[in-house]
Amino acid sequence: MTTSASIVGRSVHGLTYAVLGWAVAYGGVRLAWTVGEAPEFGRLGLDLLGFTGWWSVALCAAAGGLAVALDRVATWRPALAGLAWAVAGALVAAAAILLPELVGLLLFTVGPFFDPLAFASRLGCVTGAALLALATARYQRRTRGDCSDCCRTVPPGVRRSAPARWARWAAWAAVGGLVTRFAAQFVVGFDRVDQSAALYGLEIGLVLAGVLLPLALVYHWGEVWPGWVPLLADRTIPRPLLLVPGFGLGAGIVAYFGMGMVQVSSGSHSEFSDAFLWVAMSAYLVMGVGLVIGSTDYHLRTRRQCGTCGR
């Protein structure tokens, strides 16, 4: 049994130092901008959504304090882990504008609202969220008796080779979300949107992310290259090729359009009707959640067997 003395004497993990360093550095910048004069941040006029001013400082302080608590507490406390995940989620939500900016960079167009300093600030915010999430996952692994190598709960369970039914439902829900989004756009008219090359690229990306990606996560052709793919036929598809966009896009879509729905509910103005915004944003949320659920099942189903715990 772990004694109080051994807990106090145990060295602080590197992740804790990383979160604390981030909290001091990024939190210091947020504090300076709050008590002093914040930059203009280009035409958009802001870098974070919702959690600005003292709220952003509070998030940084909370992340640092939680990192220390996660490192010091030796028993499993669901409330502590839940609070840490909530703060990490709030940091991602605050930097939700990062998603369209990254998409724009991939399409070699940044748009008129892009501001380098705001972009760097959002990256810094998401970095803190990632570090806190890693610290929380480590706390769960350490206190719940999970395998120290693969993070799986022991004793070993049954490995699945086929996708779970709930994962397939989630994947098809993501497809339905995209169809609903385009249906809503058809109702209001596509002529109301600037038909630029960048927009066409974005629409193609949406089809790939909302149809091909979620279905690949829950069907066998997402694990092995189909026979018609030149040079790669019948080879195993690298897991990160699906997991990185699956988790990344899913979480980004949920954060971005979740914050968008908060803004709409607070009475923000738009050229589109509230009815269209609620339908379109809700459809995007379903799509994002479906991607996260499908990616989770894909991860659990395709990971290698651990040599330590045998699962």
Protein backbone atom coordinates (compact mmCIF):
# COMPACT_ATOMS: atom_id res chain seq x y z
CA MET A 1 0.00 0.00 0.00
CA THR A 2 1.26 3.47 -0.84
CA THR A 3 1.99 5.49 2.29
CA SER A 4 1.60 9.25 2.68
CA ALA A 5 5.35 9.63 3.03
CA SER A 6 6.02 7.82 -0.23
CA ILE A 7 3.44 9.98 -2.02
CA VAL A 8 5.06 13.16 -0.77
CA GLY A 9 8.53 11.89 -1.54
CA ARG A 10 7.73 10.64 -5.03
CA SER A 11 9.34 12.67 -7.80
CA VAL A 12 7.13 14.85 -9.95
CA HIS A 13 6.45 13.39 -13.40
CA GLY A 14 7.71 15.23 -16.47
CA LEU A 15 4.15 15.75 -17.74
CA THR A 16 3.31 17.67 -14.58
CA TYR A 17 6.27 19.97 -15.16
CA ALA A 18 5.19 20.39 -18.78
CA VAL A 19 1.65 21.44 -17.84
CA LEU A 20 2.95 23.76 -15.11
CA GLY A 21 5.45 25.33 -17.51
CA TRP A 22 2.72 25.84 -20.08
CA ALA A 23 0.36 27.30 -17.45
CA VAL A 24 2.98 29.80 -16.33
CA ALA A 25 4.05 30.78 -19.85
CA TYR A 26 0.71 30.87 -21.65
CA GLY A 27 -1.18 31.96 -18.53
CA GLY A 28 1.30 34.80 -18.09
CA VAL A 29 0.59 36.00 -21.62
CA ARG A 30 -3.17 35.81 -21.01
CA LEU A 31 -2.76 37.71 -17.75
CA ALA A 32 -0.71 40.43 -19.45
CA TRP A 33 -3.33 40.79 -22.17
CA THR A 34 -6.11 40.89 -19.58
CA VAL A 35 -4.69 43.54 -17.25
CA GLY A 36 -2.93 45.42 -20.05
CA GLU A 37 -3.79 45.93 -23.68
CA ALA A 38 -4.52 42.91 -25.84
CA PRO A 39 -3.55 42.84 -29.53
CA GLU A 40 -6.14 43.63 -32.20
CA PHE A 41 -5.95 40.12 -33.74
CA GLY A 42 -6.67 41.28 -37.29
CA ARG A 43 -10.14 41.67 -38.77
CA LEU A 44 -11.71 39.04 -36.53
CA GLY A 45 -10.64 40.93 -33.41
CA LEU A 46 -10.19 37.90 -31.12
CA ASP A 47 -8.06 34.80 -30.70
CA LEU A 48 -10.19 32.62 -28.40
CA LEU A 49 -13.91 31.97 -28.17
CA GLY A 50 -15.91 32.19 -24.96
CA PHE A 51 -13.00 31.81 -22.55
CA THR A 52 -11.37 35.21 -22.91
CA GLY A 53 -10.03 37.73 -20.39
CA TRP A 54 -9.99 36.43 -16.83
CA TRP A 55 -11.69 33.21 -17.95
CA SER A 56 -8.64 32.31 -20.00
CA VAL A 57 -6.36 33.07 -17.04
CA ALA A 58 -8.57 30.91 -14.81
CA LEU A 59 -8.34 28.00 -17.27
CA CYS A 60 -4.55 28.16 -17.25
CA ALA A 61 -4.45 28.28 -13.46
CA ALA A 62 -6.91 25.39 -13.23
CA ALA A 63 -4.84 23.30 -15.65
CA GLY A 64 -1.70 23.85 -13.58
CA GLY A 65 -3.43 23.05 -10.30
CA LEU A 66 -5.08 19.95 -11.73
CA ALA A 67 -1.76 18.70 -13.10
CA VAL A 68 -0.29 18.81 -9.59
CA ALA A 69 -3.36 17.11 -8.11
CA LEU A 70 -3.27 14.38 -10.75
CA ASP A 71 0.37 13.72 -9.93
CA ARG A 72 -0.09 13.72 -6.15
CA VAL A 73 -3.33 11.75 -5.69
CA ALA A 74 -2.62 8.02 -5.46
CA THR A 75 -6.17 6.66 -5.68
CA TRP A 76 -8.75 6.73 -8.46
CA ARG A 77 -11.03 9.77 -8.11
CA PRO A 78 -13.56 10.00 -10.97
CA ALA A 79 -14.46 13.59 -10.04
CA LEU A 80 -10.83 14.69 -10.32
CA ALA A 81 -10.40 12.99 -13.70
CA GLY A 82 -13.72 14.39 -14.92
CA LEU A 83 -12.75 17.93 -13.94
CA ALA A 84 -9.40 17.58 -15.68
CA TRP A 85 -11.04 16.32 -18.87
CA ALA A 86 -13.55 19.20 -18.66
CA VAL A 87 -10.77 21.81 -18.43
CA ALA A 88 -8.92 20.18 -21.34
CA GLY A 89 -12.15 20.25 -23.34
CA ALA A 90 -12.73 23.90 -22.49
CA LEU A 91 -9.25 24.76 -23.75
CA VAL A 92 -9.99 22.98 -27.04
CA ALA A 93 -13.34 24.75 -27.34
CA ALA A 94 -11.73 28.13 -26.70
CA ALA A 95 -9.37 27.54 -29.64
CA ALA A 96 -12.10 26.14 -31.90
CA ILE A 97 -11.32 28.60 -34.72
CA LEU A 98 -8.09 26.67 -35.21
CA LEU A 99 -10.01 23.99 -37.16
CA PRO A 100 -11.03 26.13 -40.19
CA GLU A 101 -7.62 27.80 -40.13
CA LEU A 102 -5.82 24.46 -40.39
CA VAL A 103 -8.19 23.40 -43.16
CA GLY A 104 -7.44 26.66 -44.95
CA LEU A 105 -3.70 26.09 -44.65
CA LEU A 106 -4.10 22.60 -46.10
CA LEU A 107 -5.94 24.16 -49.04
CA PHE A 108 -3.20 26.80 -49.41
CA THR A 109 -5.56 29.65 -48.54
CA VAL A 110 -5.77 31.39 -45.18
CA GLY A 111 -8.63 33.78 -45.85
CA PRO A 112 -9.00 37.46 -44.99
CA PHE A 113 -9.49 36.88 -41.25
CA PHE A 114 -6.24 35.00 -40.67
CA ASP A 115 -3.92 36.61 -38.11
CA PRO A 116 -0.54 34.98 -37.28
CA LEU A 117 -0.58 36.05 -33.63
CA ALA A 118 -4.12 34.77 -33.06
CA PHE A 119 -3.18 31.52 -34.80
CA ALA A 120 -0.16 31.10 -32.53
CA SER A 121 -2.32 31.83 -29.48
CA ARG A 122 -4.80 29.12 -30.48
CA LEU A 123 -1.99 26.65 -31.03
CA GLY A 124 -0.69 27.48 -27.57
CA CYS A 125 -4.13 26.92 -26.07
CA VAL A 126 -4.54 23.53 -27.76
CA THR A 127 -1.02 22.56 -26.65
CA GLY A 128 -2.08 23.05 -23.05
CA ALA A 129 -5.19 20.96 -23.63
CA ALA A 130 -3.09 18.12 -25.09
CA LEU A 131 -0.62 18.19 -22.20
CA LEU A 132 -3.40 18.16 -19.59
CA ALA A 133 -5.15 15.32 -21.44
CA LEU A 134 -1.94 13.26 -21.40
CA ALA A 135 -1.51 13.94 -17.68
CA THR A 136 -5.10 12.88 -17.04
CA ALA A 137 -4.69 9.68 -19.05
CA ARG A 138 -1.53 8.89 -17.08
CA TYR A 139 -3.41 9.43 -13.81
CA GLN A 140 -6.14 7.04 -14.92
CA ARG A 141 -3.61 4.41 -15.97
CA ARG A 142 -1.73 4.73 -12.67
CA THR A 143 -4.69 4.67 -10.29
CA ARG A 144 -7.14 2.27 -11.96
CA GLY A 145 -4.69 -0.61 -12.27
CA ASP A 146 -4.36 -0.29 -16.04
CA CYS A 147 -1.42 -1.85 -17.85
CA SER A 148 1.62 0.40 -17.58
CA ASP A 149 2.63 -0.29 -21.18
CA CYS A 150 -0.59 -0.15 -23.18
CA CYS A 151 -3.01 1.61 -20.76
CA ARG A 152 -5.56 -1.20 -21.07
CA THR A 153 -7.56 -2.29 -18.07
CA VAL A 154 -6.41 -5.60 -16.62
CA PRO A 155 -7.24 -8.47 -16.34
CA PRO A 156 -7.27 -9.05 -20.10
CA GLY A 157 -10.55 -9.09 -21.92
CA VAL A 158 -11.79 -10.43 -25.23
CA ARG A 159 -10.31 -8.80 -28.33
CA ARG A 160 -12.79 -7.95 -31.06
CA SER A 161 -12.07 -8.38 -34.75
CA ALA A 162 -15.35 -6.90 -35.99
CA PRO A 163 -16.65 -3.36 -35.43
CA ALA A 164 -19.17 -2.91 -32.64
CA ARG A 165 -22.76 -2.26 -33.63
CA TRP A 166 -22.74 1.09 -31.84
CA ALA A 167 -19.71 2.16 -33.86
CA ARG A 168 -21.43 1.44 -37.16
CA TRP A 169 -24.50 3.34 -36.03
CA ALA A 170 -22.26 6.27 -35.13
CA ALA A 171 -20.48 6.14 -38.50
CA TRP A 172 -23.73 6.17 -40.44
CA ALA A 173 -25.00 8.96 -38.17
CA ALA A 174 -21.93 10.97 -39.24
CA VAL A 175 -22.84 10.37 -42.89
CA GLY A 176 -26.40 11.42 -42.12
CA GLY A 177 -25.11 14.58 -40.49
CA LEU A 178 -23.23 15.54 -43.65
CA VAL A 179 -26.27 14.79 -45.85
CA THR A 180 -28.42 16.95 -43.56
CA ARG A 181 -25.86 19.76 -43.78
CA PHE A 182 -25.95 19.77 -47.59
CA ALA A 183 -29.75 19.46 -47.59
CA ALA A 184 -29.98 22.57 -45.42
CA GLN A 185 -27.63 24.40 -47.79
CA PHE A 186 -29.78 23.31 -50.76
CA VAL A 187 -32.86 24.80 -49.10
CA VAL A 188 -31.30 28.24 -48.58
CA GLY A 189 -29.53 28.11 -51.96
CA PHE A 190 -25.94 27.48 -52.91
CA ASP A 191 -25.78 30.84 -54.67
CA ARG A 192 -25.59 32.57 -51.28
CA VAL A 193 -22.10 31.19 -50.76
CA ASP A 194 -19.00 32.45 -52.54
CA GLN A 195 -18.15 29.69 -55.03
CA SER A 196 -14.38 30.01 -54.90
CA ALA A 197 -11.79 27.31 -55.57
CA ALA A 198 -11.06 27.15 -51.84
CA LEU A 199 -14.73 26.55 -51.12
CA TYR A 200 -14.91 23.73 -53.64
CA GLY A 201 -11.85 22.20 -51.99
CA LEU A 202 -13.54 22.51 -48.60
CA GLU A 203 -16.70 20.82 -49.91
CA ILE A 204 -14.63 17.94 -51.29
CA GLY A 205 -12.86 17.67 -47.94
CA LEU A 206 -16.24 17.55 -46.18
CA VAL A 207 -17.36 14.66 -48.34
CA LEU A 208 -14.16 12.75 -47.57
CA ALA A 209 -14.40 13.50 -43.84
CA GLY A 210 -18.15 12.92 -43.59
CA VAL A 211 -18.56 9.85 -45.80
CA LEU A 212 -15.32 8.05 -46.66
CA LEU A 213 -13.60 8.48 -43.29
CA PRO A 214 -16.40 7.36 -40.92
CA LEU A 215 -17.25 4.33 -43.08
CA ALA A 216 -13.58 3.36 -43.39
CA LEU A 217 -13.40 3.34 -39.59
CA VAL A 218 -16.08 0.67 -39.25
CA TYR A 219 -15.61 -1.53 -42.32
CA HIS A 220 -12.87 -3.97 -43.28
CA TRP A 221 -11.68 -1.87 -46.24
CA GLY A 222 -10.52 0.67 -43.66
CA GLU A 223 -8.01 -1.87 -42.31
CA VAL A 224 -6.62 -3.36 -45.54
CA TRP A 225 -6.13 -1.50 -48.82
CA PRO A 226 -8.68 -2.69 -51.42
CA GLY A 227 -7.45 -4.71 -54.36
CA TRP A 228 -7.94 -1.88 -56.84
CA VAL A 229 -5.43 0.44 -55.08
CA PRO A 230 -2.17 0.38 -57.10
CA LEU A 231 0.97 -0.77 -55.26
CA LEU A 232 -0.85 -0.97 -51.90
CA ALA A 233 -3.46 -3.66 -52.57
CA ASP A 234 -4.01 -6.07 -49.66
CA ARG A 235 -1.50 -4.24 -47.46
CA THR A 236 -2.46 -3.18 -43.93
CA ILE A 237 -3.50 0.47 -43.70
CA PRO A 238 -1.39 2.37 -41.14
CA ARG A 239 -3.60 3.11 -38.13
CA PRO A 240 -2.59 6.81 -37.84
CA LEU A 241 -3.84 7.39 -41.39
CA LEU A 242 -7.39 7.04 -40.07
CA LEU A 243 -7.02 7.72 -36.36
CA VAL A 244 -5.33 11.13 -36.65
CA PRO A 245 -8.00 12.69 -38.91
CA GLY A 246 -10.75 10.72 -37.18
CA PHE A 247 -9.99 11.97 -33.67
CA GLY A 248 -8.59 15.33 -34.81
CA LEU A 249 -11.43 16.32 -37.13
CA GLY A 250 -14.07 14.82 -34.84
CA ALA A 251 -12.91 16.75 -31.78
CA GLY A 252 -12.31 19.91 -33.81
CA ILE A 253 -15.76 19.81 -35.41
CA VAL A 254 -17.46 19.27 -32.05
CA ALA A 255 -15.50 22.15 -30.49
CA TYR A 256 -16.00 24.57 -33.38
CA PHE A 257 -19.68 24.04 -34.01
CA GLY A 258 -20.44 23.54 -30.33
CA MET A 259 -19.10 27.02 -29.66
CA GLY A 260 -20.97 28.23 -32.75
CA MET A 261 -24.25 26.99 -31.30
CA VAL A 262 -23.46 28.77 -28.05
CA GLN A 263 -22.95 32.00 -30.01
CA VAL A 264 -26.20 31.53 -31.95
CA SER A 265 -28.11 30.88 -28.73
CA SER A 266 -26.68 34.08 -27.27
CA GLY A 267 -28.10 36.13 -30.14
CA SER A 268 -25.15 36.64 -32.48
CA HIS A 269 -26.06 37.94 -35.94
CA SER A 270 -25.50 36.13 -39.24
CA GLU A 271 -26.54 36.45 -42.88
CA PHE A 272 -28.28 33.09 -42.51
CA SER A 273 -31.45 32.42 -40.56
CA ASP A 274 -31.33 30.93 -37.08
CA ALA A 275 -33.23 27.89 -38.36
CA PHE A 276 -30.55 27.15 -40.97
CA LEU A 277 -27.73 27.67 -38.45
CA TRP A 278 -29.31 25.38 -35.87
CA VAL A 279 -29.90 22.61 -38.42
CA ALA A 280 -26.47 22.92 -40.07
CA MET A 281 -24.53 23.18 -36.81
CA SER A 282 -26.44 20.32 -35.21
CA ALA A 283 -25.67 18.20 -38.28
CA TYR A 284 -21.99 19.03 -37.98
CA LEU A 285 -22.06 18.11 -34.28
CA VAL A 286 -23.56 14.71 -35.10
CA MET A 287 -20.86 14.24 -37.73
CA GLY A 288 -18.10 15.14 -35.27
CA VAL A 289 -19.40 12.90 -32.50
CA GLY A 290 -19.80 10.05 -35.00
CA LEU A 291 -16.17 10.43 -36.07
CA VAL A 292 -14.94 10.34 -32.48
CA ILE A 293 -17.01 7.25 -31.66
CA GLY A 294 -15.97 5.47 -34.84
CA SER A 295 -12.31 6.33 -34.22
CA THR A 296 -12.55 4.99 -30.67
CA ASP A 297 -13.85 1.64 -31.87
CA TYR A 298 -11.23 1.50 -34.63
CA HIS A 299 -8.48 2.15 -32.08
CA LEU A 300 -9.73 -0.52 -29.67
CA ARG A 301 -10.21 -3.05 -32.45
CA THR A 302 -6.96 -2.64 -34.40
CA ARG A 303 -4.33 -2.06 -31.68
CA ARG A 304 -1.67 -4.71 -31.26
CA GLN A 305 -1.75 -7.24 -28.47
CA CYS A 306 0.25 -6.06 -25.48
CA GLY A 307 3.20 -8.23 -24.48
CA THR A 308 2.80 -7.19 -20.83
CA CYS A 309 -0.86 -7.74 -20.06
CA GLY A 310 -1.74 -10.00 -22.99
CA ARG A 311 -4.71 -7.92 -24.10
